[in-house]
Protein backbone atom coordinates (compact mmCIF):
# COMPACT_ATOMS: atom_id res chain seq x y z
CA MET A 1 -71.33 25.18 11.89
CA PRO A 2 -69.49 27.54 14.26
CA ASP A 3 -65.69 27.53 14.28
CA THR A 4 -64.70 25.83 17.54
CA ASN A 5 -61.73 27.18 19.50
CA ALA A 6 -60.87 24.04 21.49
CA SER A 7 -61.68 20.35 21.80
CA GLY A 8 -63.01 17.92 24.37
CA VAL A 9 -63.80 14.25 24.85
CA PHE A 10 -67.02 12.57 25.96
CA LEU A 11 -66.68 10.99 29.41
CA ASN A 12 -70.02 9.27 29.96
CA ALA A 13 -73.51 8.64 28.63
CA ALA A 14 -74.77 11.81 30.35
CA GLY A 15 -72.78 13.94 27.87
CA ASP A 16 -70.14 15.31 30.27
CA VAL A 17 -67.09 16.55 28.36
CA LEU A 18 -63.48 16.69 29.57
CA THR A 19 -61.42 19.57 28.19
CA ALA A 20 -58.62 22.02 29.04
CA ARG A 21 -59.50 24.60 31.70
CA HIS A 22 -57.75 27.51 29.98
CA ALA A 23 -59.98 27.00 26.93
CA VAL A 24 -63.19 27.60 28.94
CA THR A 25 -62.03 30.29 31.37
CA GLY A 26 -63.52 33.76 31.04
CA CYS A 27 -66.17 32.78 28.49
CA ARG A 28 -69.34 34.88 28.38
CA THR A 29 -71.06 31.97 26.64
CA LEU A 30 -69.89 28.38 26.32
CA PHE A 31 -71.10 25.73 23.87
CA ALA A 32 -70.28 22.14 23.03
CA VAL A 33 -70.50 21.11 19.37
CA LYS A 34 -70.92 17.61 17.95
CA GLY A 35 -71.68 17.36 14.25
CA ALA A 36 -74.88 19.30 13.63
CA GLN A 37 -75.65 19.54 17.36
CA VAL A 38 -74.82 22.63 19.39
CA ALA A 39 -75.57 22.64 23.12
CA GLN A 40 -74.96 25.17 25.87
CA ALA A 41 -72.28 23.96 28.29
CA THR A 42 -71.56 24.67 31.95
CA VAL A 43 -68.31 24.10 33.83
CA ILE A 44 -69.04 21.67 36.68
CA ALA A 45 -65.46 20.84 37.73
CA ALA A 46 -62.08 22.47 37.20
CA SER A 47 -58.44 22.17 38.26
CA PRO A 48 -56.12 25.15 37.70
CA GLU A 49 -53.14 22.97 38.64
CA LEU A 50 -53.86 20.31 36.01
CA ASP A 51 -55.51 22.72 33.53
CA LEU A 52 -58.56 20.46 33.29
CA ALA A 53 -62.29 21.15 33.28
CA VAL A 54 -65.47 19.12 32.88
CA LEU A 55 -68.45 20.55 31.00
CA ARG A 56 -72.04 19.50 31.59
CA THR A 57 -73.89 19.35 28.26
CA THR A 58 -77.15 18.01 26.88
CA LEU A 59 -75.41 16.21 24.04
CA THR A 60 -76.02 12.47 23.73
CA PRO A 61 -72.77 10.69 22.87
CA TYR A 62 -72.70 7.68 20.58
CA LEU A 63 -69.55 6.60 22.44
CA SER A 64 -67.65 7.81 25.51
CA ALA A 65 -63.98 7.42 26.37
CA THR A 66 -62.51 4.51 28.30
CA LEU A 67 -59.56 5.62 30.44
CA ALA A 68 -56.48 3.43 30.50
CA LEU A 69 -55.68 1.81 33.83
CA SER A 70 -51.98 2.53 33.36
CA ASP A 71 -50.13 5.48 31.84
CA ALA A 72 -48.16 5.26 28.60
CA ALA A 73 -44.80 3.52 29.04
CA SER A 74 -42.14 6.11 29.91
CA GLY A 75 -39.09 4.09 28.88
CA HIS A 76 -39.71 4.07 25.15
CA SER A 77 -41.66 5.94 22.49
CA VAL A 78 -45.02 4.62 21.29
CA GLY A 79 -47.37 5.76 18.56
CA VAL A 80 -50.56 7.54 19.66
CA PHE A 81 -53.29 9.64 18.09
CA ALA A 82 -54.29 13.19 19.09
CA GLU A 83 -56.03 15.79 16.97
CA ALA A 84 -58.30 18.82 17.28
CA TYR A 85 -62.05 18.41 16.84
CA ALA A 86 -62.17 20.80 13.88
CA VAL A 87 -59.40 18.93 12.06
CA LEU A 88 -61.01 15.54 12.72
CA GLN A 89 -64.19 16.66 10.97
CA ARG A 90 -62.36 16.98 7.65
CA LEU A 91 -59.58 14.44 8.09
CA PRO A 92 -59.39 12.23 4.98
CA ASP A 93 -59.04 8.44 5.28
CA ARG A 94 -59.15 8.56 9.07
CA ALA A 95 -60.32 4.94 9.16
CA ALA A 96 -56.88 3.92 7.88
CA LEU A 97 -54.82 6.19 10.17
CA LEU A 98 -53.26 4.33 13.11
CA SER A 99 -51.20 7.14 14.72
CA ASN A 100 -50.08 10.73 14.13
CA ALA A 101 -47.87 11.40 17.18
CA MET A 102 -45.20 9.73 19.32
CA THR A 103 -44.76 9.80 23.07
CA VAL A 104 -41.51 11.29 24.39
CA PRO A 105 -39.61 8.85 26.62
CA GLY A 106 -37.76 9.90 29.76
CA VAL A 107 -39.90 12.91 30.71
CA ASP A 108 -42.28 13.48 33.61
CA GLY A 109 -45.94 13.06 32.74
CA LEU A 110 -47.06 12.66 29.14
CA GLN A 111 -45.44 14.59 26.29
CA LEU A 112 -45.85 14.03 22.57
CA LEU A 113 -44.02 14.83 19.38
CA SER A 114 -47.08 16.10 17.53
CA GLY A 115 -48.08 18.53 14.81
CA VAL A 116 -51.38 19.57 16.40
CA LYS A 117 -52.31 23.22 15.93
CA PRO A 118 -54.34 25.73 17.95
CA GLY A 119 -57.75 24.23 18.63
CA ALA A 120 -56.25 21.00 20.01
CA SER A 121 -56.49 21.92 23.70
CA GLY A 122 -58.67 19.27 25.32
CA SER A 123 -58.03 16.67 22.61
CA ALA A 124 -57.97 13.01 23.59
CA VAL A 125 -54.67 11.13 23.37
CA LEU A 126 -55.58 7.59 22.31
CA GLY A 127 -53.30 4.59 22.28
CA ALA A 128 -53.35 1.97 19.53
CA ASP A 129 -55.80 0.01 21.68
CA GLY A 130 -58.27 2.91 21.75
CA LEU A 131 -57.86 3.62 25.46
CA LEU A 132 -57.62 7.24 26.65
CA LEU A 133 -54.01 7.88 27.70
CA GLY A 134 -54.34 11.61 28.33
CA VAL A 135 -55.76 14.98 27.32
CA VAL A 136 -53.73 17.65 25.48
CA VAL A 137 -53.32 20.93 27.37
CA GLU A 138 -50.41 22.87 25.90
CA ARG A 139 -47.45 23.07 23.58
CA VAL A 140 -44.17 23.20 25.51
CA PRO A 141 -40.57 24.12 24.67
CA ALA A 142 -38.42 21.23 23.51
CA ALA A 143 -35.26 23.28 23.15
CA PRO A 144 -33.53 25.94 25.29
CA HIS A 145 -35.18 29.36 24.94
CA ALA A 146 -37.91 27.97 22.68
CA GLY A 147 -41.28 29.58 23.29
CA GLY A 148 -44.35 27.57 24.23
CA MET A 149 -48.03 28.32 23.81
CA VAL A 150 -51.38 26.98 24.77
CA LEU A 151 -53.35 25.31 22.01
CA SER A 152 -56.76 26.94 22.19
CA ARG A 153 -57.53 29.05 19.15
CA ALA A 154 -58.09 32.10 21.35
CA SER A 155 -54.36 32.03 22.06
CA SER A 156 -53.21 31.34 18.53
CA SER A 157 -51.74 34.83 18.15
CA ALA A 158 -48.90 33.82 20.50
CA ALA A 159 -45.76 33.12 18.51
CA VAL A 160 -44.13 29.71 18.56
CA THR A 161 -40.36 29.77 18.23
CA GLY A 162 -38.02 26.81 18.06
CA ALA A 163 -38.88 23.15 18.41
CA THR A 164 -41.87 22.34 20.57
CA GLN A 165 -43.60 19.32 22.07
CA VAL A 166 -47.16 18.84 23.25
CA ARG A 167 -47.94 18.18 26.91
CA ALA A 168 -50.93 16.13 27.97
CA VAL A 169 -52.36 15.28 31.38
CA PRO A 170 -51.87 11.49 31.78
CA ALA A 171 -54.64 9.01 32.55
CA SER A 172 -53.60 8.55 36.20
CA GLN A 173 -54.15 12.25 36.90
CA LEU A 174 -57.35 12.32 34.86
CA ARG A 175 -58.78 9.50 36.97
CA GLN A 176 -57.85 11.21 40.23
CA PHE A 177 -59.37 14.52 39.10
CA LEU A 178 -62.62 12.89 37.97
CA ARG A 179 -62.97 10.86 41.16
CA THR A 180 -62.36 13.95 43.31
CA HIS A 181 -65.27 15.70 41.59
CA ASP A 182 -67.56 12.62 41.42
CA ILE A 183 -67.64 12.65 37.61
CA ALA A 184 -68.71 9.33 36.10
CA PHE A 185 -66.22 7.64 33.78
CA THR A 186 -65.17 4.20 32.59
CA GLU A 187 -61.72 2.68 32.99
CA SER A 188 -60.27 -0.56 31.70
CA ALA A 189 -57.11 -2.43 30.79
CA SER A 190 -58.90 -4.20 27.94
CA PRO A 191 -58.29 -3.00 24.36
CA GLN A 192 -61.20 -1.09 22.85
CA LEU A 193 -59.93 -1.63 19.30
CA SER A 194 -58.52 -4.53 17.34
CA PRO A 195 -55.01 -4.10 15.84
CA THR A 196 -56.55 -3.25 12.45
CA GLN A 197 -59.02 -0.65 13.73
CA SER A 198 -58.18 3.06 13.66
CA PRO A 199 -57.73 5.18 16.80
CA ALA A 200 -58.34 8.18 14.53
CA ALA A 201 -61.85 6.98 13.73
CA ARG A 202 -62.53 6.37 17.43
CA ALA A 203 -61.15 9.82 18.30
CA SER A 204 -63.53 11.37 15.79
CA THR A 205 -66.48 9.68 17.52
CA LEU A 206 -65.32 10.65 21.02
CA SER A 207 -64.31 14.21 20.17
CA VAL A 208 -66.39 17.30 20.96
CA GLY A 209 -65.86 20.88 19.78
CA VAL A 210 -65.72 23.63 22.41
CA LEU A 211 -66.84 27.16 21.56
CA CYS A 212 -66.00 29.98 23.98
CA GLY A 213 -67.87 33.21 23.27
């Protein structure tokens, strides 16, 4: 299988994929990867301001994301799950993993304390209930003079210095972007997982690899 340089998340039964815009900009060829399936992808919507893009693919998803009706609580930290497609494919015991990141309280938008590496741009941020809380777009400085970097593998040569956090576009902005471009999606306030089910396993099902050539 090809080595994907970014990630995405299935939005609907048609196989549309939400990802980070910077990861699909300037590509001579663009493919979406799911397991053994590789399909050519086309950008059908993009926002430079939000760093979001939607890809039209011929992939048939087993499951598509359900966007949360409300953003993650800003007053306190909560456990969430976010990981790159390539890492999810080889993640051991993902069915038992409930979270791998924490939201950062008291900041604008959605930021995470997370160890995701290059390749995570476009990754879904899932709450414990399995709802989509956001999409990862970049690593940001968490300390004065610390250097940030985007998280697509094409940019992995950029040095990271000091402590960093991960920024994601929250669900409220995702919904507005998708509605503006008439992209079909599902939203709900109802949990998609029971308390004993793993967001990591759901993320693995929802996640798509993005290959920019």
